[in-house]
Protein backbone atom coordinates (compact mmCIF):
# COMPACT_ATOMS: atom_id res chain seq x y z
CA MET A 1 -90.77 103.02 -29.43
CA SER A 2 -92.52 100.02 -30.65
CA GLU A 3 -92.24 96.74 -28.38
CA ARG A 4 -91.79 95.22 -31.80
CA THR A 5 -88.84 97.33 -32.74
CA ARG A 6 -87.28 97.49 -29.51
CA ARG A 7 -87.12 93.79 -30.03
CA HIS A 8 -86.25 93.78 -33.72
CA PHE A 9 -83.16 96.20 -32.10
CA LEU A 10 -81.65 94.13 -29.60
CA ARG A 11 -81.51 91.15 -32.07
CA THR A 12 -79.66 93.13 -33.86
CA LEU A 13 -77.20 94.35 -31.63
CA GLY A 14 -77.05 90.71 -30.16
CA ALA A 15 -77.05 92.70 -26.65
CA ALA A 16 -79.85 93.11 -23.56
CA ALA A 17 -80.75 96.84 -22.82
CA GLY A 18 -83.47 97.61 -20.24
CA ALA A 19 -86.83 98.84 -19.89
CA THR A 20 -87.59 101.74 -22.05
CA MET A 21 -87.96 105.08 -20.38
CA ALA A 22 -90.74 107.33 -20.41
CA LEU A 23 -90.47 110.14 -22.86
CA PRO A 24 -88.52 113.15 -21.36
CA LEU A 25 -90.21 116.61 -22.27
CA PRO A 26 -88.27 119.19 -24.03
CA LEU A 27 -85.24 121.14 -22.94
CA HIS A 28 -87.33 124.48 -23.41
CA ALA A 29 -90.08 123.57 -21.82
CA GLN A 30 -88.15 122.25 -18.37
CA THR A 31 -85.42 123.66 -18.09
CA ARG A 32 -84.88 122.09 -15.02
CA ARG A 33 -84.41 118.79 -16.31
CA ARG A 34 -80.54 117.36 -16.52
CA LEU A 35 -79.13 117.04 -19.86
CA ARG A 36 -78.26 113.55 -20.58
CA VAL A 37 -75.14 112.87 -23.04
CA GLY A 38 -73.04 110.68 -24.19
CA VAL A 39 -70.08 109.22 -26.20
CA GLY A 40 -68.40 106.05 -27.27
CA PRO A 41 -65.02 104.40 -26.06
CA PHE A 42 -62.88 106.69 -28.39
CA LEU A 43 -59.65 106.26 -25.77
CA PRO A 44 -58.16 103.70 -24.06
CA THR A 45 -60.14 103.89 -20.59
CA ALA A 46 -63.36 105.73 -19.78
CA GLU A 47 -62.08 108.50 -17.43
CA ASP A 48 -59.48 109.07 -20.46
CA THR A 49 -62.44 109.83 -22.71
CA ARG A 50 -64.86 111.71 -19.91
CA ARG A 51 -61.89 114.31 -19.50
CA ALA A 52 -61.22 114.74 -23.08
CA TYR A 53 -65.12 115.47 -24.34
CA THR A 54 -66.44 117.07 -21.25
CA PRO A 55 -65.39 120.69 -22.11
CA PHE A 56 -67.62 120.45 -25.43
CA PHE A 57 -70.59 118.55 -23.76
CA THR A 58 -69.85 121.05 -21.16
CA HIS A 59 -69.89 124.08 -23.56
CA VAL A 60 -72.82 122.46 -25.81
CA ALA A 61 -74.88 122.31 -22.32
CA LYS A 62 -74.31 125.81 -21.30
CA GLN A 63 -75.21 127.43 -24.41
CA LEU A 64 -78.68 125.43 -24.28
CA GLY A 65 -79.58 126.56 -20.57
CA ALA A 66 -79.05 123.34 -19.04
CA PRO A 67 -75.41 123.73 -17.41
CA ASP A 68 -76.82 120.18 -15.00
CA PHE A 69 -75.80 117.22 -17.68
CA GLN A 70 -74.95 113.67 -17.07
CA LEU A 71 -72.03 112.40 -19.38
CA ASP A 72 -72.01 108.77 -19.88
CA VAL A 73 -69.39 107.20 -21.41
CA THR A 74 -69.99 103.23 -22.76
CA THR A 75 -67.46 100.60 -22.72
CA ASP A 76 -68.81 99.67 -26.26
CA TRP A 77 -69.93 101.17 -29.36
CA ALA A 78 -73.12 98.60 -28.95
CA GLY A 79 -74.25 100.55 -26.16
CA LEU A 80 -73.99 103.84 -26.50
CA ALA A 81 -76.47 102.52 -29.84
CA VAL A 82 -79.14 100.82 -27.14
CA ALA A 83 -78.97 104.00 -24.74
CA MET A 84 -79.94 106.32 -27.53
CA ALA A 85 -82.74 104.07 -28.63
CA THR A 86 -83.76 103.59 -25.59
CA GLY A 87 -84.50 106.71 -23.99
CA ASN A 88 -81.74 107.24 -21.79
CA LEU A 89 -79.39 110.09 -24.00
CA ASP A 90 -80.85 113.20 -25.35
CA LEU A 91 -77.40 113.92 -27.41
CA ALA A 92 -74.98 111.81 -28.20
CA TRP A 93 -71.42 112.07 -30.04
CA MET A 94 -71.85 108.71 -32.03
CA GLY A 95 -69.60 106.38 -34.40
CA PRO A 96 -71.03 106.51 -37.92
CA TRP A 97 -72.17 102.45 -37.40
CA GLY A 98 -73.53 103.27 -33.83
CA TYR A 99 -75.53 106.26 -35.31
CA VAL A 100 -77.19 104.27 -37.54
CA LEU A 101 -78.13 101.26 -35.61
CA ALA A 102 -79.87 104.02 -33.16
CA ASN A 103 -81.62 105.72 -36.07
CA ASN A 104 -82.97 102.55 -37.22
CA ALA A 105 -84.58 101.63 -33.84
CA SER A 106 -85.37 105.56 -32.58
CA GLY A 107 -85.43 107.72 -34.84
CA CYS A 108 -82.64 109.79 -33.44
CA GLN A 109 -81.03 112.05 -36.05
CA ALA A 110 -77.45 113.03 -37.14
CA ILE A 111 -77.08 117.17 -37.32
CA ALA A 112 -73.33 117.06 -37.32
CA THR A 113 -70.16 115.39 -38.42
CA VAL A 114 -66.95 116.15 -37.26
CA ARG A 115 -63.90 117.46 -38.55
CA TYR A 116 -60.58 115.65 -37.75
CA ASP A 117 -57.96 117.40 -39.31
CA ASP A 118 -60.06 119.47 -41.15
CA ARG A 119 -61.40 116.59 -43.01
CA PRO A 120 -65.12 115.13 -42.32
CA THR A 121 -63.88 111.42 -43.14
CA TYR A 122 -61.84 108.59 -41.78
CA ASN A 123 -60.64 105.30 -42.84
CA ALA A 124 -60.92 101.53 -41.55
CA ILE A 125 -57.90 100.01 -41.33
CA ILE A 126 -56.18 96.60 -40.45
CA VAL A 127 -53.42 96.31 -38.65
CA ALA A 128 -50.37 93.33 -38.49
CA ARG A 129 -47.47 92.56 -36.44
CA PRO A 130 -44.65 94.25 -38.55
CA ASP A 131 -42.54 90.79 -39.04
CA LEU A 132 -45.35 89.28 -40.89
CA LYS A 133 -44.47 88.86 -44.57
CA VAL A 134 -48.58 90.28 -45.80
CA GLY A 135 -47.97 90.97 -50.35
CA LYS A 136 -51.10 90.80 -50.84
CA PHE A 137 -54.00 90.97 -48.38
CA PRO A 138 -56.19 89.49 -47.43
CA ASP A 139 -54.68 85.98 -49.15
CA ASP A 140 -51.47 86.07 -47.24
CA THR A 141 -53.06 86.17 -44.34
CA ARG A 142 -55.33 83.12 -43.82
CA GLY A 143 -55.21 80.92 -41.42
CA LEU A 144 -53.93 83.90 -38.87
CA SER A 145 -55.14 85.52 -35.73
CA MET A 146 -57.45 88.37 -36.15
CA SER A 147 -59.78 90.77 -33.36
CA PHE A 148 -62.27 92.65 -34.53
CA ALA A 149 -64.10 95.24 -32.36
CA ASP A 150 -67.08 95.06 -30.83
CA SER A 151 -70.54 94.79 -33.58
CA GLY A 152 -71.36 98.33 -32.59
CA SER A 153 -68.24 99.78 -34.26
CA THR A 154 -68.16 100.97 -37.91
CA SER A 155 -64.19 100.88 -38.52
CA GLY A 156 -63.96 97.40 -36.32
CA TRP A 157 -66.58 95.32 -37.18
CA LEU A 158 -68.85 96.46 -39.59
CA VAL A 159 -66.47 98.11 -42.41
CA PRO A 160 -64.12 95.14 -42.42
CA THR A 161 -67.33 92.33 -42.61
CA TYR A 162 -68.50 93.84 -45.20
CA PHE A 163 -65.57 93.77 -47.08
CA SER A 164 -64.70 89.93 -46.34
CA ARG A 165 -68.37 88.79 -47.13
CA GLU A 166 -69.03 91.26 -50.41
CA VAL A 167 -65.67 91.89 -51.57
CA TRP A 168 -63.24 89.45 -50.74
CA LYS A 169 -65.51 86.79 -51.15
CA ILE A 170 -64.39 85.15 -47.44
CA ASP A 171 -66.22 84.23 -44.38
CA PRO A 172 -63.98 86.06 -41.28
CA LYS A 173 -64.55 83.49 -39.00
CA THR A 174 -63.57 80.83 -40.95
CA PHE A 175 -61.01 82.20 -42.80
CA TRP A 176 -59.59 83.49 -39.82
CA LYS A 177 -58.44 82.41 -36.37
CA TYR A 178 -61.36 85.13 -35.44
CA ASN A 179 -61.99 86.96 -32.29
CA GLU A 180 -64.68 89.44 -31.55
CA GLY A 181 -65.45 92.26 -29.06
CA ALA A 182 -61.96 94.23 -28.43
CA SER A 183 -62.25 98.18 -28.30
CA HIS A 184 -59.85 99.59 -30.57
CA PRO A 185 -57.38 100.72 -27.92
CA ALA A 186 -57.21 97.37 -27.07
CA ASN A 187 -56.94 95.91 -30.43
CA GLN A 188 -53.92 97.88 -31.30
CA MET A 189 -52.04 96.83 -27.84
CA ALA A 190 -52.37 93.17 -28.78
CA VAL A 191 -51.01 93.55 -31.82
CA ALA A 192 -47.78 95.40 -30.40
CA SER A 193 -47.59 93.11 -27.96
CA GLY A 194 -47.75 90.43 -30.69
CA GLN A 195 -50.67 88.17 -28.82
CA VAL A 196 -52.57 88.52 -32.11
CA ASP A 197 -51.31 88.29 -35.53
CA LEU A 198 -54.24 90.86 -36.76
CA ALA A 199 -56.77 93.68 -36.06
CA THR A 200 -59.10 95.85 -36.96
CA ASP A 201 -58.98 99.81 -36.06
CA PHE A 202 -59.58 103.52 -37.57
CA ASP A 203 -56.34 105.96 -38.25
CA ARG A 204 -57.69 108.45 -35.82
CA ASN A 205 -56.84 106.14 -33.19
CA ARG A 206 -53.81 104.69 -34.08
CA ASN A 207 -52.17 108.09 -34.29
CA ALA A 208 -53.35 109.19 -31.01
CA MET A 209 -51.98 106.10 -29.47
CA ILE A 210 -48.57 106.79 -31.29
CA ALA A 211 -49.03 110.75 -30.33
CA ALA A 212 -49.83 109.83 -26.61
CA GLY A 213 -46.70 107.27 -26.65
CA ARG A 214 -48.95 104.74 -25.98
CA ILE A 215 -47.49 102.29 -29.44
CA LYS A 216 -44.45 102.97 -31.13
CA PRO A 217 -45.37 103.61 -35.36
CA GLU A 218 -42.90 100.12 -35.95
CA GLN A 219 -44.84 98.30 -33.14
CA THR A 220 -48.10 97.88 -35.72
CA ARG A 221 -48.12 98.11 -39.97
CA ILE A 222 -51.13 99.36 -41.80
CA VAL A 223 -52.17 96.30 -44.49
CA TRP A 224 -55.49 97.53 -45.16
CA THR A 225 -57.04 100.66 -45.47
CA SER A 226 -60.75 101.66 -46.33
CA PRO A 227 -62.29 104.02 -48.77
CA ASP A 228 -63.06 107.17 -46.90
CA LEU A 229 -66.37 106.68 -44.19
CA PRO A 230 -68.29 109.55 -42.93
CA ASN A 231 -66.86 110.73 -39.51
CA ASP A 232 -68.71 110.15 -36.13
CA ALA A 233 -71.95 112.14 -36.13
CA ILE A 234 -73.62 114.15 -33.24
CA ALA A 235 -77.12 112.70 -32.68
CA VAL A 236 -79.84 114.22 -30.91
CA SER A 237 -83.21 112.38 -29.85
CA LYS A 238 -86.37 112.73 -31.64
CA THR A 239 -88.02 113.27 -28.26
CA MET A 240 -85.84 116.83 -28.67
CA SER A 241 -87.77 120.07 -29.61
CA ALA A 242 -87.27 121.60 -32.94
CA ALA A 243 -86.27 124.64 -31.12
CA ASP A 244 -83.57 122.68 -28.77
CA ILE A 245 -82.15 120.89 -32.00
CA ALA A 246 -81.79 124.33 -33.69
CA THR A 247 -79.61 125.98 -31.17
CA ILE A 248 -77.58 122.39 -30.47
CA GLN A 249 -77.05 122.69 -34.26
CA ARG A 250 -76.08 126.07 -34.34
CA VAL A 251 -73.54 126.14 -31.25
CA ILE A 252 -71.79 123.20 -32.34
CA LEU A 253 -71.68 124.35 -36.29
CA ALA A 254 -70.47 128.13 -34.99
CA LEU A 255 -67.20 126.64 -33.31
CA THR A 256 -64.20 127.95 -34.59
CA LEU A 257 -60.46 126.79 -34.61
CA ASP A 258 -59.23 128.06 -31.94
CA GLU A 259 -62.74 126.98 -29.92
CA ALA A 260 -62.37 123.42 -31.52
CA LYS A 261 -58.07 123.46 -30.11
CA THR A 262 -59.78 124.22 -26.61
CA LEU A 263 -62.73 122.31 -26.71
CA LEU A 264 -62.31 119.61 -28.65
CA PRO A 265 -59.97 116.25 -28.31
CA PRO A 266 -56.27 117.02 -30.01
CA ARG A 267 -57.07 117.00 -33.91
CA TYR A 268 -60.96 117.55 -34.12
CA THR A 269 -61.20 121.58 -35.86
CA GLY A 270 -64.97 121.49 -35.80
CA PHE A 271 -68.13 120.02 -37.15
CA SER A 272 -69.93 119.84 -40.89
CA GLN A 273 -73.43 119.81 -41.04
CA ALA A 274 -75.13 116.74 -41.46
CA THR A 275 -78.56 114.55 -41.70
CA HIS A 276 -78.95 111.35 -42.02
CA ALA A 277 -78.50 110.94 -45.59
CA SER A 278 -74.53 111.89 -44.61
CA TYR A 279 -74.42 108.17 -43.30
CA ALA A 280 -76.59 106.15 -46.36
CA THR A 281 -73.12 104.62 -47.32
CA ILE A 282 -72.75 102.97 -43.71
CA GLU A 283 -76.69 102.40 -43.62
CA ALA A 284 -76.22 100.08 -47.25
CA ALA A 285 -73.62 98.36 -45.47
CA GLY A 286 -75.66 97.33 -42.50
CA ILE A 287 -78.58 96.31 -44.67
CA ALA A 288 -75.83 94.37 -47.20
CA VAL A 289 -74.22 92.23 -43.95
CA GLY A 290 -77.62 91.32 -42.47
CA ARG A 291 -77.90 93.47 -39.53
CA LEU A 292 -80.78 96.15 -41.00
CA LYS A 293 -83.64 95.27 -42.88
CA ARG A 294 -84.31 97.22 -46.38
CA LEU A 295 -86.66 100.02 -46.55
CA GLY A 296 -90.36 98.45 -46.36
CA GLY A 297 -88.43 94.73 -45.43
């Protein structure tokens, strides 16, 4: 990655990243090298996430002939994109916006989209305290406290920012008592406990927290739902060999429903084939809010 590209990426995320690592040899040419994989903060704690996603990555690594792998769990979505872009990951389970950012900076490529309840799509949501009277959104929420997730989150930052500016024609930072940077579980808990009036999230996270007993369904109320968004991407570094990429894609697309129940977190049912074009709507939103340059720009 050129220094100019890396500087642009760091400006895009507003985060600091370490020095770019030397490009690794393909796994098929250096079988003893540890496979480096990453996943974002899907669950309330890093340990929860690690425990839930380790079986999947163990399966992939074994099929790739790289049983020794390192799983990194980031504390925010932007951090996962930085890790991929700076050469610190070979393979990652990434949120759509984080993937687009990483692709923009490093050329990593999506090879599959996860299916949840057999759907390759999900929805961003905004939840409110149940006692609030919200007849029309966002009009009836002016001046209330609002918590967005970190700037690497699709449903928690990009999509609500896009709708605020381009559809509702408001500045979220002045329309609400605005704060950003929280995790999705923290956003749900903040609304459920009455610490904030409104917060961004995605439907899968709220469902999972209710199922796990972390919140009760009546503690938060959905007041806005986005159109369908492409689900999380499985992305590979551009430094991986074509043979390794083909193996990974074959392995994950071949997962049966019974295997998914064993290897994936609850309600994930497998994967659909994907390319970068599968995330074109996310890329367009990033351009619209000024976080990505137009092609050729």
